[in-house]
Amino acid sequence: MTVRAQDHRHGRPPSRPGVSPCTPETCVRPPVTAAGPVRRAARLLGCALALAAALTLSPMLRRRPGPLRGRLARGAMGLIVRALGITVRVPDGVPVLAGHGTLLVSNHISWADPLIMAAVTPARQLAKREIGRWPLVRSLAAAHRTLFIDKDRPAALPAAITAVAGALRDGDAVLAYPEGTTWCGRAMGAFHPALFQAAVEAGATVRPVALRYREGGAPSTRAAWIGEDSLPASLLRVVATRHLVAEVTFLPPVRPELTGRPREDRAALAALTESRVRDALGPA
């Protein structure tokens, strides 16, 4: 679920949810190696063709059995990601998630994050409800069994938690971005605890995921979608970057001792998960 930051400061994570200090002007660096105009045009064309193919396949995917649908859907997302010029690496492999009721929680950098995660994991993702009304997105979201949340209405949060808890009880893996906004990748925000309540209610495993972008082995901010940045501007930065790598690291499950007091338990889960992701990402 992506909400871009509007704050123009840089420093410690803000206390308010949905706000980060990242902006393109202060955070996004020039590419280590730039792609030429021909390569950029080829990537945009390839992305358009891959997206068209995925949209064409989406109605058929919804009628396929679960495992087959998952493999085909991941393959379609992988084509889009590769067309953009992003190489995806999963250093420790993808854990077995099917049938185990796992809440995956990741830091959030870019509009590309959900595409990358959909290419490597069968997890159902959370998205803002209004995104489900976009014609091009609605079909893809249905193929990936996306869960939609009305983030702008706090009164809708209990229903969202109930829906996520139900998916977890059914053995699904669900992916959430608990920062509530995107950060540039040089820093990350606090994990807000609300959605961790779904894992508490379902007795589900919570598994941290560390996501970072690299160029030539060094951290990269080229994929960031932050501040007043537009989607086309961020997309063009990505296709203009050579050797952009998205590294996805699945960390061991967190297993705090639960107290039976929901507020404390979800706060403990959020804090421990955030700490594990920060440790895995290390210094920028």
C-alpha atoms as a PDB file:
ATOM      1  CA  MET A   1       0.000   0.000   0.000  1.00  0.00           C
ATOM      2  CA  THR A   2       1.709   3.173  -1.181  1.00  0.00           C
ATOM      3  CA  VAL A   3       1.220   6.664   0.230  1.00  0.00           C
ATOM      4  CA  ARG A   4       3.963   9.065  -0.764  1.00  0.00           C
ATOM      5  CA  ALA A   5       5.509  11.395   1.763  1.00  0.00           C
ATOM      6  CA  GLN A   6       4.868  15.128   1.750  1.00  0.00           C
ATOM      7  CA  ASP A   7       7.337  16.313   4.436  1.00  0.00           C
ATOM      8  CA  HIS A   8      10.494  18.080   3.156  1.00  0.00           C
ATOM      9  CA  ARG A   9      12.835  17.537   6.081  1.00  0.00           C
ATOM     10  CA  HIS A  10      15.513  14.893   6.466  1.00  0.00           C
ATOM     11  CA  GLY A  11      16.347  13.318   9.797  1.00  0.00           C
ATOM     12  CA  ARG A  12      14.735  11.008  12.316  1.00  0.00           C
ATOM     13  CA  PRO A  13      11.551   9.134  11.461  1.00  0.00           C
ATOM     14  CA  PRO A  14       8.547  11.394  12.162  1.00  0.00           C
ATOM     15  CA  SER A  15       6.028  10.378  14.782  1.00  0.00           C
ATOM     16  CA  ARG A  16       3.025  10.914  12.505  1.00  0.00           C
ATOM     17  CA  PRO A  17       2.056   7.956  10.292  1.00  0.00           C
ATOM     18  CA  GLY A  18       2.199   8.420   6.545  1.00  0.00           C
ATOM     19  CA  VAL A  19       4.915  11.105   6.610  1.00  0.00           C
ATOM     20  CA  SER A  20       8.603  10.766   5.715  1.00  0.00           C
ATOM     21  CA  PRO A  21      11.284  13.402   5.121  1.00  0.00           C
ATOM     22  CA  CYS A  22      12.328  12.004   1.737  1.00  0.00           C
ATOM     23  CA  THR A  23      12.082  14.093  -1.436  1.00  0.00           C
ATOM     24  CA  PRO A  24      13.550  13.536  -4.914  1.00  0.00           C
ATOM     25  CA  GLU A  25      15.627  16.715  -4.603  1.00  0.00           C
ATOM     26  CA  THR A  26      17.385  15.655  -1.401  1.00  0.00           C
ATOM     27  CA  CYS A  27      17.442  11.870  -1.696  1.00  0.00           C
ATOM     28  CA  VAL A  28      17.659  10.679  -5.307  1.00  0.00           C
ATOM     29  CA  ARG A  29      21.190  10.476  -6.673  1.00  0.00           C
ATOM     30  CA  PRO A  30      22.318  10.337 -10.318  1.00  0.00           C
ATOM     31  CA  PRO A  31      22.711   6.829 -11.774  1.00  0.00           C
ATOM     32  CA  VAL A  32      26.073   5.109 -11.468  1.00  0.00           C
ATOM     33  CA  THR A  33      25.678   4.147 -15.134  1.00  0.00           C
ATOM     34  CA  ALA A  34      22.934   5.739 -17.235  1.00  0.00           C
ATOM     35  CA  ALA A  35      20.981   3.915 -19.932  1.00  0.00           C
ATOM     36  CA  GLY A  36      21.040   5.491 -23.381  1.00  0.00           C
ATOM     37  CA  PRO A  37      17.925   6.678 -25.226  1.00  0.00           C
ATOM     38  CA  VAL A  38      17.593   3.500 -27.291  1.00  0.00           C
ATOM     39  CA  ARG A  39      17.741   1.279 -24.214  1.00  0.00           C
ATOM     40  CA  ARG A  40      15.241   3.501 -22.408  1.00  0.00           C
ATOM     41  CA  ALA A  41      12.797   3.341 -25.305  1.00  0.00           C
ATOM     42  CA  ALA A  42      13.224  -0.441 -25.557  1.00  0.00           C
ATOM     43  CA  ARG A  43      12.527  -0.839 -21.852  1.00  0.00           C
ATOM     44  CA  LEU A  44       9.368   1.254 -22.010  1.00  0.00           C
ATOM     45  CA  LEU A  45       8.141  -0.687 -25.026  1.00  0.00           C
ATOM     46  CA  GLY A  46       8.989  -4.005 -23.384  1.00  0.00           C
ATOM     47  CA  CYS A  47       7.178  -2.974 -20.209  1.00  0.00           C
ATOM     48  CA  ALA A  48       4.082  -1.977 -22.195  1.00  0.00           C
ATOM     49  CA  LEU A  49       4.080  -5.319 -24.039  1.00  0.00           C
ATOM     50  CA  ALA A  50       4.612  -7.321 -20.826  1.00  0.00           C
ATOM     51  CA  LEU A  51       1.836  -5.385 -19.101  1.00  0.00           C
ATOM     52  CA  ALA A  52      -0.511  -5.996 -22.032  1.00  0.00           C
ATOM     53  CA  ALA A  53       0.280  -9.716 -21.927  1.00  0.00           C
ATOM     54  CA  ALA A  54      -0.334  -9.836 -18.166  1.00  0.00           C
ATOM     55  CA  LEU A  55      -3.665  -8.050 -18.546  1.00  0.00           C
ATOM     56  CA  THR A  56      -4.690 -10.430 -21.310  1.00  0.00           C
ATOM     57  CA  LEU A  57      -3.834 -13.460 -19.153  1.00  0.00           C
ATOM     58  CA  SER A  58      -5.454 -12.140 -15.961  1.00  0.00           C
ATOM     59  CA  PRO A  59      -9.024 -13.402 -16.639  1.00  0.00           C
ATOM     60  CA  MET A  60      -7.642 -16.864 -17.429  1.00  0.00           C
ATOM     61  CA  LEU A  61      -5.446 -16.874 -14.343  1.00  0.00           C
ATOM     62  CA  ARG A  62      -8.435 -16.366 -12.070  1.00  0.00           C
ATOM     63  CA  ARG A  63      -9.923 -19.634 -13.333  1.00  0.00           C
ATOM     64  CA  ARG A  64      -6.789 -21.708 -12.767  1.00  0.00           C
ATOM     65  CA  PRO A  65      -6.089 -23.799  -9.644  1.00  0.00           C
ATOM     66  CA  GLY A  66      -4.261 -21.950  -6.871  1.00  0.00           C
ATOM     67  CA  PRO A  67      -0.677 -23.241  -7.345  1.00  0.00           C
ATOM     68  CA  LEU A  68      -0.773 -22.916 -11.129  1.00  0.00           C
ATOM     69  CA  ARG A  69      -2.340 -19.465 -10.930  1.00  0.00           C
ATOM     70  CA  GLY A  70       0.384 -18.371  -8.521  1.00  0.00           C
ATOM     71  CA  ARG A  71       3.218 -19.575 -10.760  1.00  0.00           C
ATOM     72  CA  LEU A  72       1.756 -17.918 -13.847  1.00  0.00           C
ATOM     73  CA  ALA A  73       1.008 -14.672 -12.005  1.00  0.00           C
ATOM     74  CA  ARG A  74       4.550 -14.515 -10.620  1.00  0.00           C
ATOM     75  CA  GLY A  75       5.932 -15.174 -14.083  1.00  0.00           C
ATOM     76  CA  ALA A  76       3.875 -12.338 -15.552  1.00  0.00           C
ATOM     77  CA  MET A  77       5.099  -9.903 -12.892  1.00  0.00           C
ATOM     78  CA  GLY A  78       8.658 -11.090 -13.454  1.00  0.00           C
ATOM     79  CA  LEU A  79       8.400 -10.197 -17.144  1.00  0.00           C
ATOM     80  CA  ILE A  80       7.290  -6.655 -16.299  1.00  0.00           C
ATOM     81  CA  VAL A  81      10.096  -6.188 -13.772  1.00  0.00           C
ATOM     82  CA  ARG A  82      12.756  -7.465 -16.165  1.00  0.00           C
ATOM     83  CA  ALA A  83      11.401  -5.273 -18.952  1.00  0.00           C
ATOM     84  CA  LEU A  84      11.954  -2.259 -16.694  1.00  0.00           C
ATOM     85  CA  GLY A  85      15.607  -3.223 -16.392  1.00  0.00           C
ATOM     86  CA  ILE A  86      15.411  -4.364 -12.763  1.00  0.00           C
ATOM     87  CA  THR A  87      17.248  -7.528 -11.767  1.00  0.00           C
ATOM     88  CA  VAL A  88      15.716  -9.258  -8.739  1.00  0.00           C
ATOM     89  CA  ARG A  89      17.914 -11.179  -6.314  1.00  0.00           C
ATOM     90  CA  VAL A  90      16.735 -13.221  -3.335  1.00  0.00           C
ATOM     91  CA  PRO A  91      19.993 -14.049  -1.483  1.00  0.00           C
ATOM     92  CA  ASP A  92      18.545 -16.666   0.870  1.00  0.00           C
ATOM     93  CA  GLY A  93      15.740 -17.917  -1.360  1.00  0.00           C
ATOM     94  CA  VAL A  94      11.989 -17.666  -0.919  1.00  0.00           C
ATOM     95  CA  PRO A  95      10.652 -19.589   2.100  1.00  0.00           C
ATOM     96  CA  VAL A  96       7.743 -21.981   1.795  1.00  0.00           C
ATOM     97  CA  LEU A  97       4.711 -19.854   2.597  1.00  0.00           C
ATOM     98  CA  ALA A  98       1.668 -21.668   1.189  1.00  0.00           C
ATOM     99  CA  GLY A  99      -0.663 -23.041   3.838  1.00  0.00           C
ATOM    100  CA  HIS A 100       1.159 -21.518   6.800  1.00  0.00           C
ATOM    101  CA  GLY A 101      -0.684 -18.253   7.467  1.00  0.00           C
ATOM    102  CA  THR A 102       2.232 -15.805   7.351  1.00  0.00           C
ATOM    103  CA  LEU A 103       2.174 -12.013   7.640  1.00  0.00           C
ATOM    104  CA  LEU A 104       5.111 -10.681   5.621  1.00  0.00           C
ATOM    105  CA  VAL A 105       6.144  -7.146   6.554  1.00  0.00           C
ATOM    106  CA  SER A 106       8.556  -5.117   4.427  1.00  0.00           C
ATOM    107  CA  ASN A 107      10.041  -1.672   4.276  1.00  0.00           C
ATOM    108  CA  HIS A 108       8.638   0.419   1.419  1.00  0.00           C
ATOM    109  CA  ILE A 109      10.575   2.426  -1.186  1.00  0.00           C
ATOM    110  CA  SER A 110       8.869   2.445  -4.548  1.00  0.00           C
ATOM    111  CA  TRP A 111       5.840   1.790  -6.735  1.00  0.00           C
ATOM    112  CA  ALA A 112       8.009  -1.067  -8.033  1.00  0.00           C
ATOM    113  CA  ASP A 113       8.042  -2.852  -4.654  1.00  0.00           C
ATOM    114  CA  PRO A 114       4.673  -4.613  -5.125  1.00  0.00           C
ATOM    115  CA  LEU A 115       5.662  -5.726  -8.641  1.00  0.00           C
ATOM    116  CA  ILE A 116       8.933  -7.159  -7.365  1.00  0.00           C
ATOM    117  CA  MET A 117       7.336  -8.904  -4.415  1.00  0.00           C
ATOM    118  CA  ALA A 118       4.583 -10.298  -6.666  1.00  0.00           C
ATOM    119  CA  ALA A 119       7.299 -11.715  -8.916  1.00  0.00           C
ATOM    120  CA  VAL A 120       8.977 -13.676  -6.116  1.00  0.00           C
ATOM    121  CA  THR A 121       6.298 -14.603  -3.588  1.00  0.00           C
ATOM    122  CA  PRO A 122       2.713 -15.927  -3.682  1.00  0.00           C
ATOM    123  CA  ALA A 123       1.683 -13.533  -0.911  1.00  0.00           C
ATOM    124  CA  ARG A 124      -1.517 -11.559  -1.220  1.00  0.00           C
ATOM    125  CA  GLN A 125      -0.748  -7.853  -1.023  1.00  0.00           C
ATOM    126  CA  LEU A 126      -2.563  -4.964   0.619  1.00  0.00           C
ATOM    127  CA  ALA A 127      -3.472  -1.947  -1.501  1.00  0.00           C
ATOM    128  CA  LYS A 128      -5.491   1.231  -1.141  1.00  0.00           C
ATOM    129  CA  ARG A 129      -9.113   0.711  -2.102  1.00  0.00           C
ATOM    130  CA  GLU A 130      -9.087   3.420  -4.760  1.00  0.00           C
ATOM    131  CA  ILE A 131      -6.313   1.583  -6.617  1.00  0.00           C
ATOM    132  CA  GLY A 132      -8.765  -1.252  -7.185  1.00  0.00           C
ATOM    133  CA  ARG A 133     -10.889   1.133  -9.233  1.00  0.00           C
ATOM    134  CA  TRP A 134      -8.110   1.747 -11.782  1.00  0.00           C
ATOM    135  CA  PRO A 135      -9.047  -0.257 -14.912  1.00  0.00           C
ATOM    136  CA  LEU A 136      -5.514  -1.451 -15.698  1.00  0.00           C
ATOM    137  CA  VAL A 137      -4.782  -2.415 -12.102  1.00  0.00           C
ATOM    138  CA  ARG A 138      -8.095  -4.039 -11.196  1.00  0.00           C
ATOM    139  CA  SER A 139      -7.579  -7.098 -13.410  1.00  0.00           C
ATOM    140  CA  LEU A 140      -4.001  -7.679 -12.226  1.00  0.00           C
ATOM    141  CA  ALA A 141      -5.061  -7.216  -8.597  1.00  0.00           C
ATOM    142  CA  ALA A 142      -7.780  -9.826  -9.000  1.00  0.00           C
ATOM    143  CA  ALA A 143      -5.318 -12.338 -10.438  1.00  0.00           C
ATOM    144  CA  HIS A 144      -3.085 -11.823  -7.394  1.00  0.00           C
ATOM    145  CA  ARG A 145      -6.034 -11.833  -4.944  1.00  0.00           C
ATOM    146  CA  THR A 146      -5.105  -8.401  -3.617  1.00  0.00           C
ATOM    147  CA  LEU A 147      -6.728  -7.248  -0.373  1.00  0.00           C
ATOM    148  CA  PHE A 148      -7.958  -3.660  -0.464  1.00  0.00           C
ATOM    149  CA  ILE A 149      -7.982  -1.278   2.484  1.00  0.00           C
ATOM    150  CA  ASP A 150      -9.776   2.037   2.830  1.00  0.00           C
ATOM    151  CA  LYS A 151      -6.796   3.782   4.399  1.00  0.00           C
ATOM    152  CA  ASP A 152      -8.439   7.208   4.456  1.00  0.00           C
ATOM    153  CA  ARG A 153     -11.204   6.057   6.815  1.00  0.00           C
ATOM    154  CA  PRO A 154      -9.928   5.009  10.250  1.00  0.00           C
ATOM    155  CA  ALA A 155     -13.361   3.537  10.962  1.00  0.00           C
ATOM    156  CA  ALA A 156     -12.701   0.980   8.210  1.00  0.00           C
ATOM    157  CA  LEU A 157      -9.543  -0.352   9.892  1.00  0.00           C
ATOM    158  CA  PRO A 158     -11.269  -3.037  12.023  1.00  0.00           C
ATOM    159  CA  ALA A 159     -12.864  -4.516   8.906  1.00  0.00           C
ATOM    160  CA  ALA A 160      -9.473  -4.516   7.160  1.00  0.00           C
ATOM    161  CA  ILE A 161      -7.843  -6.277  10.106  1.00  0.00           C
ATOM    162  CA  THR A 162     -10.646  -8.841  10.115  1.00  0.00           C
ATOM    163  CA  ALA A 163     -10.146  -9.496   6.400  1.00  0.00           C
ATOM    164  CA  VAL A 164      -6.384  -9.922   6.785  1.00  0.00           C
ATOM    165  CA  ALA A 165      -6.830 -12.172   9.830  1.00  0.00           C
ATOM    166  CA  GLY A 166      -9.279 -14.307   7.851  1.00  0.00           C
ATOM    167  CA  ALA A 167      -6.788 -14.698   5.000  1.00  0.00           C
ATOM    168  CA  LEU A 168      -4.087 -15.683   7.472  1.00  0.00           C
ATOM    169  CA  ARG A 169      -6.367 -18.260   9.117  1.00  0.00           C
ATOM    170  CA  ASP A 170      -7.005 -19.715   5.661  1.00  0.00           C
ATOM    171  CA  GLY A 171      -3.265 -20.335   5.316  1.00  0.00           C
ATOM    172  CA  ASP A 172      -2.520 -17.436   2.986  1.00  0.00           C
ATOM    173  CA  ALA A 173       0.606 -15.313   3.124  1.00  0.00           C
ATOM    174  CA  VAL A 174      -0.226 -11.594   3.252  1.00  0.00           C
ATOM    175  CA  LEU A 175       2.274  -8.823   2.540  1.00  0.00           C
ATOM    176  CA  ALA A 176       2.024  -5.429   4.260  1.00  0.00           C
ATOM    177  CA  TYR A 177       4.134  -2.269   4.264  1.00  0.00           C
ATOM    178  CA  PRO A 178       3.628  -0.999   7.828  1.00  0.00           C
ATOM    179  CA  GLU A 179       5.587   2.253   7.422  1.00  0.00           C
ATOM    180  CA  GLY A 180       2.454   3.617   5.765  1.00  0.00           C
ATOM    181  CA  THR A 181       4.509   5.558   3.215  1.00  0.00           C
ATOM    182  CA  THR A 182       7.527   5.222   0.955  1.00  0.00           C
ATOM    183  CA  TRP A 183      11.048   6.150   2.001  1.00  0.00           C
ATOM    184  CA  CYS A 184      14.020   6.606  -0.320  1.00  0.00           C
ATOM    185  CA  GLY A 185      15.982   3.545   0.833  1.00  0.00           C
ATOM    186  CA  ARG A 186      18.743   5.451   2.636  1.00  0.00           C
ATOM    187  CA  ALA A 187      16.523   5.436   5.726  1.00  0.00           C
ATOM    188  CA  MET A 188      13.227   3.852   6.757  1.00  0.00           C
ATOM    189  CA  GLY A 189      10.291   4.812   8.917  1.00  0.00           C
ATOM    190  CA  ALA A 190       8.648   3.335  11.990  1.00  0.00           C
ATOM    191  CA  PHE A 191       6.417   0.283  11.608  1.00  0.00           C
ATOM    192  CA  HIS A 192       2.917   1.171  12.757  1.00  0.00           C
ATOM    193  CA  PRO A 193       1.352  -1.658  14.759  1.00  0.00           C
ATOM    194  CA  ALA A 194      -2.299  -1.646  13.637  1.00  0.00           C
ATOM    195  CA  LEU A 195      -2.130  -4.418  11.029  1.00  0.00           C
ATOM    196  CA  PHE A 196      -0.049  -6.620  13.304  1.00  0.00           C
ATOM    197  CA  GLN A 197      -3.306  -7.145  15.188  1.00  0.00           C
ATOM    198  CA  ALA A 198      -4.387  -9.429  12.344  1.00  0.00           C
ATOM    199  CA  ALA A 199      -1.440 -11.740  13.067  1.00  0.00           C
ATOM    200  CA  VAL A 200      -2.233 -11.664  16.789  1.00  0.00           C
ATOM    201  CA  GLU A 201      -5.880 -12.588  16.169  1.00  0.00           C
ATOM    202  CA  ALA A 202      -5.020 -15.331  13.663  1.00  0.00           C
ATOM    203  CA  GLY A 203      -2.071 -16.737  15.610  1.00  0.00           C
ATOM    204  CA  ALA A 204      -0.070 -16.305  12.408  1.00  0.00           C
ATOM    205  CA  THR A 205       3.670 -16.198  11.836  1.00  0.00           C
ATOM    206  CA  VAL A 206       5.174 -12.738  11.311  1.00  0.00           C
ATOM    207  CA  ARG A 207       8.112 -12.697   8.907  1.00  0.00           C
ATOM    208  CA  PRO A 208      10.208  -9.563   8.238  1.00  0.00           C
ATOM    209  CA  VAL A 209      11.378  -8.804   4.706  1.00  0.00           C
ATOM    210  CA  ALA A 210      14.254  -6.414   3.940  1.00  0.00           C
ATOM    211  CA  LEU A 211      14.024  -4.770   0.525  1.00  0.00           C
ATOM    212  CA  ARG A 212      16.779  -2.646  -0.984  1.00  0.00           C
ATOM    213  CA  TYR A 213      17.846  -1.382  -4.380  1.00  0.00           C
ATOM    214  CA  ARG A 214      21.486  -1.466  -5.478  1.00  0.00           C
ATOM    215  CA  GLU A 215      23.720  -0.248  -8.296  1.00  0.00           C
ATOM    216  CA  GLY A 216      27.119  -1.844  -8.570  1.00  0.00           C
ATOM    217  CA  GLY A 217      26.770  -3.313  -5.087  1.00  0.00           C
ATOM    218  CA  ALA A 218      26.072   0.064  -3.434  1.00  0.00           C
ATOM    219  CA  PRO A 219      22.676   1.221  -2.117  1.00  0.00           C
ATOM    220  CA  SER A 220      20.627   3.066  -4.748  1.00  0.00           C
ATOM    221  CA  THR A 221      17.771   5.566  -4.440  1.00  0.00           C
ATOM    222  CA  ARG A 222      16.928   5.511  -8.155  1.00  0.00           C
ATOM    223  CA  ALA A 223      13.683   3.537  -7.706  1.00  0.00           C
ATOM    224  CA  ALA A 224      12.322   5.749  -4.922  1.00  0.00           C
ATOM    225  CA  TRP A 225       8.840   7.262  -5.290  1.00  0.00           C
ATOM    226  CA  ILE A 226       8.718  10.008  -2.689  1.00  0.00           C
ATOM    227  CA  GLY A 227       7.592  13.521  -1.841  1.00  0.00           C
ATOM    228  CA  GLU A 228       5.849  15.320  -4.688  1.00  0.00           C
ATOM    229  CA  ASP A 229       7.344  12.881  -7.191  1.00  0.00           C
ATOM    230  CA  SER A 230       5.093  11.764 -10.036  1.00  0.00           C
ATOM    231  CA  LEU A 231       4.816   8.163 -11.142  1.00  0.00           C
ATOM    232  CA  PRO A 232       6.030   8.941 -14.701  1.00  0.00           C
ATOM    233  CA  ALA A 233       9.109  10.767 -13.337  1.00  0.00           C
ATOM    234  CA  SER A 234      10.013   7.860 -11.067  1.00  0.00           C
ATOM    235  CA  LEU A 235       9.382   5.331 -13.841  1.00  0.00           C
ATOM    236  CA  LEU A 236      11.649   7.228 -16.221  1.00  0.00           C
ATOM    237  CA  ARG A 237      14.437   7.294 -13.606  1.00  0.00           C
ATOM    238  CA  VAL A 238      14.217   3.524 -13.306  1.00  0.00           C
ATOM    239  CA  VAL A 239      14.401   2.831 -17.042  1.00  0.00           C
ATOM    240  CA  ALA A 240      17.272   5.339 -17.320  1.00  0.00           C
ATOM    241  CA  THR A 241      19.390   3.367 -14.819  1.00  0.00           C
ATOM    242  CA  ARG A 242      21.722   0.550 -15.859  1.00  0.00           C
ATOM    243  CA  HIS A 243      22.365  -2.413 -13.560  1.00  0.00           C
ATOM    244  CA  LEU A 244      19.591  -1.651 -11.053  1.00  0.00           C
ATOM    245  CA  VAL A 245      19.145  -4.583  -8.677  1.00  0.00           C
ATOM    246  CA  ALA A 246      16.300  -5.194  -6.235  1.00  0.00           C
ATOM    247  CA  GLU A 247      17.466  -7.373  -3.364  1.00  0.00           C
ATOM    248  CA  VAL A 248      14.772  -9.147  -1.332  1.00  0.00           C
ATOM    249  CA  THR A 249      15.842 -10.830   1.904  1.00  0.00           C
ATOM    250  CA  PHE A 250      13.364 -12.977   3.807  1.00  0.00           C
ATOM    251  CA  LEU A 251      14.376 -12.917   7.463  1.00  0.00           C
ATOM    252  CA  PRO A 252      13.581 -15.547  10.117  1.00  0.00           C
ATOM    253  CA  PRO A 253      10.138 -15.303  11.734  1.00  0.00           C
ATOM    254  CA  VAL A 254       9.830 -13.141  14.840  1.00  0.00           C
ATOM    255  CA  ARG A 255       8.545 -14.958  17.896  1.00  0.00           C
ATOM    256  CA  PRO A 256       7.935 -12.589  20.829  1.00  0.00           C
ATOM    257  CA  GLU A 257       6.174 -13.890  23.916  1.00  0.00           C
ATOM    258  CA  LEU A 258       2.587 -12.713  23.677  1.00  0.00           C
ATOM    259  CA  THR A 259       0.912 -11.422  26.827  1.00  0.00           C
ATOM    260  CA  GLY A 260      -2.716 -11.732  25.807  1.00  0.00           C
ATOM    261  CA  ARG A 261      -3.027  -7.954  25.858  1.00  0.00           C
ATOM    262  CA  PRO A 262      -3.636  -7.062  22.184  1.00  0.00           C
ATOM    263  CA  ARG A 263      -2.353  -3.480  22.276  1.00  0.00           C
ATOM    264  CA  GLU A 264       0.937  -4.511  23.865  1.00  0.00           C
ATOM    265  CA  ASP A 265       1.315  -7.615  21.715  1.00  0.00           C
ATOM    266  CA  ARG A 266       0.881  -5.844  18.395  1.00  0.00           C
ATOM    267  CA  ALA A 267       3.211  -3.046  19.495  1.00  0.00           C
ATOM    268  CA  ALA A 268       5.842  -5.611  20.470  1.00  0.00           C
ATOM    269  CA  LEU A 269       5.473  -7.391  17.129  1.00  0.00           C
ATOM    270  CA  ALA A 270       5.810  -4.135  15.211  1.00  0.00           C
ATOM    271  CA  ALA A 271       8.874  -2.998  17.166  1.00  0.00           C
ATOM    272  CA  LEU A 272      10.674  -6.330  16.917  1.00  0.00           C
ATOM    273  CA  THR A 273       9.940  -6.708  13.205  1.00  0.00           C
ATOM    274  CA  GLU A 274      11.097  -3.153  12.485  1.00  0.00           C
ATOM    275  CA  SER A 275      14.308  -3.782  14.406  1.00  0.00           C
ATOM    276  CA  ARG A 276      15.056  -6.936  12.405  1.00  0.00           C
ATOM    277  CA  VAL A 277      14.549  -5.141   9.085  1.00  0.00           C
ATOM    278  CA  ARG A 278      16.739  -2.201  10.165  1.00  0.00           C
ATOM    279  CA  ASP A 279      19.500  -4.583  11.240  1.00  0.00           C
ATOM    280  CA  ALA A 280      19.319  -6.441   7.923  1.00  0.00           C
ATOM    281  CA  LEU A 281      19.468  -3.272   5.856  1.00  0.00           C
ATOM    282  CA  GLY A 282      22.377  -1.855   7.849  1.00  0.00           C
ATOM    283  CA  PRO A 283      23.803   1.613   7.271  1.00  0.00           C
ATOM    284  CA  ALA A 284      23.010   3.362   3.989  1.00  0.00           C
END
